[in-house]
Amino acid sequence: MFEAAIVLLYGLVTAVAIAITVLEGWANHDGLTFHRLAGLIACLLWPVTLLVFVLHGWFVRLMSRLSRSMA
């Protein structure tokens, strides 16, 4: 359940960021420049940091539980 919420949040944030980037290019009549393409790629990758923090917390809790059970 928690993982599904994280994936949904990731998808929503990414979709909003991509939509804002595309609309900005449309409003400025810029088209698809190198910087706009880099921005679109960044929209896909930056939420990965959220996933890294979630997985790190899960791993630390798991190791904490395992170390208590071995003691």
N, C-alpha and C. Protein backbone atom coordinates (compact mmCIF):
# COMPACT_ATOMS: atom_id res chain seq x y z
N MET A 1 0.82 -1.19 0.00
CA MET A 1 0.00 0.00 0.00
C MET A 1 0.87 1.26 0.00
N PHE A 2 1.87 1.30 0.89
CA PHE A 2 2.75 2.46 0.97
C PHE A 2 3.55 2.64 -0.31
N GLU A 3 4.00 1.52 -0.88
CA GLU A 3 4.78 1.59 -2.12
C GLU A 3 3.93 2.13 -3.26
N ALA A 4 2.66 1.73 -3.31
CA ALA A 4 1.76 2.23 -4.35
C ALA A 4 1.55 3.73 -4.21
N ALA A 5 1.45 4.21 -2.98
CA ALA A 5 1.29 5.64 -2.76
C ALA A 5 2.53 6.40 -3.19
N ILE A 6 3.69 5.85 -2.93
CA ILE A 6 4.94 6.50 -3.34
C ILE A 6 5.03 6.56 -4.87
N VAL A 7 4.69 5.47 -5.53
CA VAL A 7 4.74 5.45 -7.00
C VAL A 7 3.72 6.43 -7.57
N LEU A 8 2.54 6.50 -6.99
CA LEU A 8 1.53 7.45 -7.45
C LEU A 8 2.01 8.89 -7.24
N LEU A 9 2.58 9.17 -6.09
CA LEU A 9 3.11 10.51 -5.82
C LEU A 9 4.23 10.85 -6.80
N TYR A 10 5.10 9.92 -7.04
CA TYR A 10 6.21 10.10 -8.00
C TYR A 10 5.64 10.44 -9.37
N GLY A 11 4.65 9.68 -9.81
CA GLY A 11 4.05 9.91 -11.12
C GLY A 11 3.35 11.25 -11.21
N LEU A 12 2.64 11.64 -10.16
CA LEU A 12 1.93 12.91 -10.17
C LEU A 12 2.89 14.10 -10.19
N VAL A 13 3.91 14.05 -9.37
CA VAL A 13 4.89 15.14 -9.33
C VAL A 13 5.61 15.24 -10.67
N THR A 14 5.98 14.11 -11.24
CA THR A 14 6.66 14.10 -12.53
C THR A 14 5.75 14.65 -13.62
N ALA A 15 4.49 14.23 -13.63
CA ALA A 15 3.55 14.71 -14.65
C ALA A 15 3.33 16.21 -14.55
N VAL A 16 3.20 16.73 -13.35
CA VAL A 16 3.02 18.18 -13.17
C VAL A 16 4.27 18.92 -13.62
N ALA A 17 5.43 18.44 -13.25
CA ALA A 17 6.68 19.12 -13.64
C ALA A 17 6.86 19.11 -15.16
N ILE A 18 6.54 18.01 -15.81
CA ILE A 18 6.64 17.93 -17.26
C ILE A 18 5.63 18.86 -17.91
N ALA A 19 4.41 18.89 -17.39
CA ALA A 19 3.37 19.76 -17.95
C ALA A 19 3.78 21.23 -17.85
N ILE A 20 4.34 21.62 -16.71
CA ILE A 20 4.78 23.02 -16.54
C ILE A 20 5.91 23.34 -17.51
N THR A 21 6.84 22.42 -17.69
CA THR A 21 7.96 22.65 -18.60
C THR A 21 7.47 22.77 -20.04
N VAL A 22 6.56 21.90 -20.45
CA VAL A 22 6.02 21.95 -21.81
C VAL A 22 5.22 23.24 -22.03
N LEU A 23 4.39 23.60 -21.06
CA LEU A 23 3.60 24.83 -21.18
C LEU A 23 4.48 26.08 -21.23
N GLU A 24 5.57 26.06 -20.49
CA GLU A 24 6.50 27.19 -20.53
C GLU A 24 7.09 27.34 -21.92
N GLY A 25 7.49 26.24 -22.52
CA GLY A 25 8.03 26.29 -23.88
C GLY A 25 6.98 26.74 -24.89
N TRP A 26 5.75 26.30 -24.69
CA TRP A 26 4.67 26.69 -25.60
C TRP A 26 4.37 28.18 -25.48
N ALA A 27 4.33 28.68 -24.25
CA ALA A 27 4.03 30.10 -24.02
C ALA A 27 5.12 31.01 -24.56
N ASN A 28 6.37 30.56 -24.51
CA ASN A 28 7.49 31.37 -25.01
C ASN A 28 7.77 31.14 -26.49
N HIS A 29 7.05 30.24 -27.12
CA HIS A 29 7.25 29.88 -28.54
C HIS A 29 8.69 29.45 -28.80
N ASP A 30 9.25 28.73 -27.83
CA ASP A 30 10.65 28.29 -27.94
C ASP A 30 10.80 26.97 -28.69
N GLY A 31 9.80 26.13 -28.65
CA GLY A 31 9.96 24.81 -29.23
C GLY A 31 10.75 23.91 -28.31
N LEU A 32 11.39 22.92 -28.89
CA LEU A 32 12.16 21.95 -28.11
C LEU A 32 13.64 22.26 -28.26
N THR A 33 14.16 23.08 -27.36
CA THR A 33 15.57 23.42 -27.37
C THR A 33 16.33 22.41 -26.52
N PHE A 34 17.64 22.52 -26.54
CA PHE A 34 18.47 21.64 -25.73
C PHE A 34 18.15 21.80 -24.25
N HIS A 35 17.99 23.04 -23.81
CA HIS A 35 17.71 23.29 -22.40
C HIS A 35 16.33 22.79 -22.00
N ARG A 36 15.36 22.89 -22.89
CA ARG A 36 14.02 22.38 -22.61
C ARG A 36 14.06 20.86 -22.51
N LEU A 37 14.80 20.21 -23.40
CA LEU A 37 14.94 18.75 -23.35
C LEU A 37 15.64 18.32 -22.07
N ALA A 38 16.67 19.06 -21.66
CA ALA A 38 17.36 18.76 -20.39
C ALA A 38 16.40 18.92 -19.23
N GLY A 39 15.53 19.94 -19.29
CA GLY A 39 14.54 20.15 -18.23
C GLY A 39 13.54 19.01 -18.16
N LEU A 40 13.12 18.50 -19.31
CA LEU A 40 12.19 17.37 -19.32
C LEU A 40 12.82 16.12 -18.74
N ILE A 41 14.09 15.90 -19.06
CA ILE A 41 14.80 14.74 -18.49
C ILE A 41 14.95 14.92 -16.97
N ALA A 42 15.24 16.14 -16.53
CA ALA A 42 15.37 16.40 -15.10
C ALA A 42 14.04 16.17 -14.39
N CYS A 43 12.93 16.47 -15.06
CA CYS A 43 11.61 16.23 -14.47
C CYS A 43 11.41 14.74 -14.19
N LEU A 44 11.97 13.90 -15.02
CA LEU A 44 11.83 12.46 -14.82
C LEU A 44 12.75 11.93 -13.72
N LEU A 45 13.90 12.55 -13.55
CA LEU A 45 14.92 11.98 -12.66
C LEU A 45 14.93 12.52 -11.24
N TRP A 46 14.50 13.77 -11.01
CA TRP A 46 14.67 14.32 -9.67
C TRP A 46 13.86 13.60 -8.60
N PRO A 47 12.68 13.04 -8.89
CA PRO A 47 11.98 12.34 -7.81
C PRO A 47 12.67 11.05 -7.36
N VAL A 48 13.70 10.63 -8.10
CA VAL A 48 14.45 9.44 -7.69
C VAL A 48 15.05 9.66 -6.30
N THR A 49 15.40 10.90 -5.96
CA THR A 49 15.96 11.16 -4.64
C THR A 49 14.96 10.81 -3.54
N LEU A 50 13.68 11.05 -3.78
CA LEU A 50 12.65 10.66 -2.82
C LEU A 50 12.67 9.14 -2.62
N LEU A 51 12.76 8.42 -3.71
CA LEU A 51 12.81 6.96 -3.63
C LEU A 51 14.05 6.49 -2.88
N VAL A 52 15.17 7.15 -3.09
CA VAL A 52 16.41 6.78 -2.39
C VAL A 52 16.25 6.97 -0.89
N PHE A 53 15.65 8.09 -0.46
CA PHE A 53 15.45 8.32 0.97
C PHE A 53 14.48 7.31 1.57
N VAL A 54 13.43 6.96 0.85
CA VAL A 54 12.46 5.98 1.35
C VAL A 54 13.13 4.62 1.49
N LEU A 55 13.88 4.20 0.48
CA LEU A 55 14.56 2.90 0.55
C LEU A 55 15.63 2.90 1.64
N HIS A 56 16.32 4.01 1.84
CA HIS A 56 17.33 4.08 2.90
C HIS A 56 16.68 3.91 4.27
N GLY A 57 15.55 4.59 4.50
CA GLY A 57 14.84 4.46 5.76
C GLY A 57 14.36 3.04 6.00
N TRP A 58 13.85 2.41 4.94
CA TRP A 58 13.40 1.02 5.05
C TRP A 58 14.57 0.11 5.40
N PHE A 59 15.71 0.31 4.75
CA PHE A 59 16.87 -0.54 4.98
C PHE A 59 17.41 -0.36 6.40
N VAL A 60 17.46 0.88 6.88
CA VAL A 60 17.95 1.14 8.24
C VAL A 60 17.02 0.48 9.27
N ARG A 61 15.70 0.60 9.07
CA ARG A 61 14.77 -0.05 10.01
C ARG A 61 14.93 -1.57 9.97
N LEU A 62 15.11 -2.12 8.79
CA LEU A 62 15.30 -3.56 8.66
C LEU A 62 16.56 -4.01 9.37
N MET A 63 17.67 -3.30 9.18
CA MET A 63 18.92 -3.66 9.83
C MET A 63 18.82 -3.50 11.34
N SER A 64 18.08 -2.49 11.79
CA SER A 64 17.89 -2.29 13.22
C SER A 64 17.13 -3.47 13.84
N ARG A 65 16.08 -3.90 13.15
CA ARG A 65 15.31 -5.06 13.65
C ARG A 65 16.16 -6.32 13.67
N LEU A 66 16.93 -6.52 12.62
CA LEU A 66 17.76 -7.73 12.55
C LEU A 66 18.83 -7.73 13.63
N SER A 67 19.42 -6.56 13.90
CA SER A 67 20.47 -6.52 14.91
C SER A 67 19.90 -6.75 16.32
N ARG A 68 18.66 -6.30 16.57
CA ARG A 68 18.04 -6.55 17.87
C ARG A 68 17.70 -8.01 18.05
N SER A 69 17.28 -8.67 16.95
CA SER A 69 16.90 -10.07 17.08
C SER A 69 18.12 -10.98 17.25
N MET A 70 19.28 -10.53 16.79
CA MET A 70 20.50 -11.34 16.92
C MET A 70 21.14 -11.16 18.29
N ALA A 71 20.82 -10.08 19.00
CA ALA A 71 21.46 -9.80 20.28
C ALA A 71 20.84 -10.60 21.41
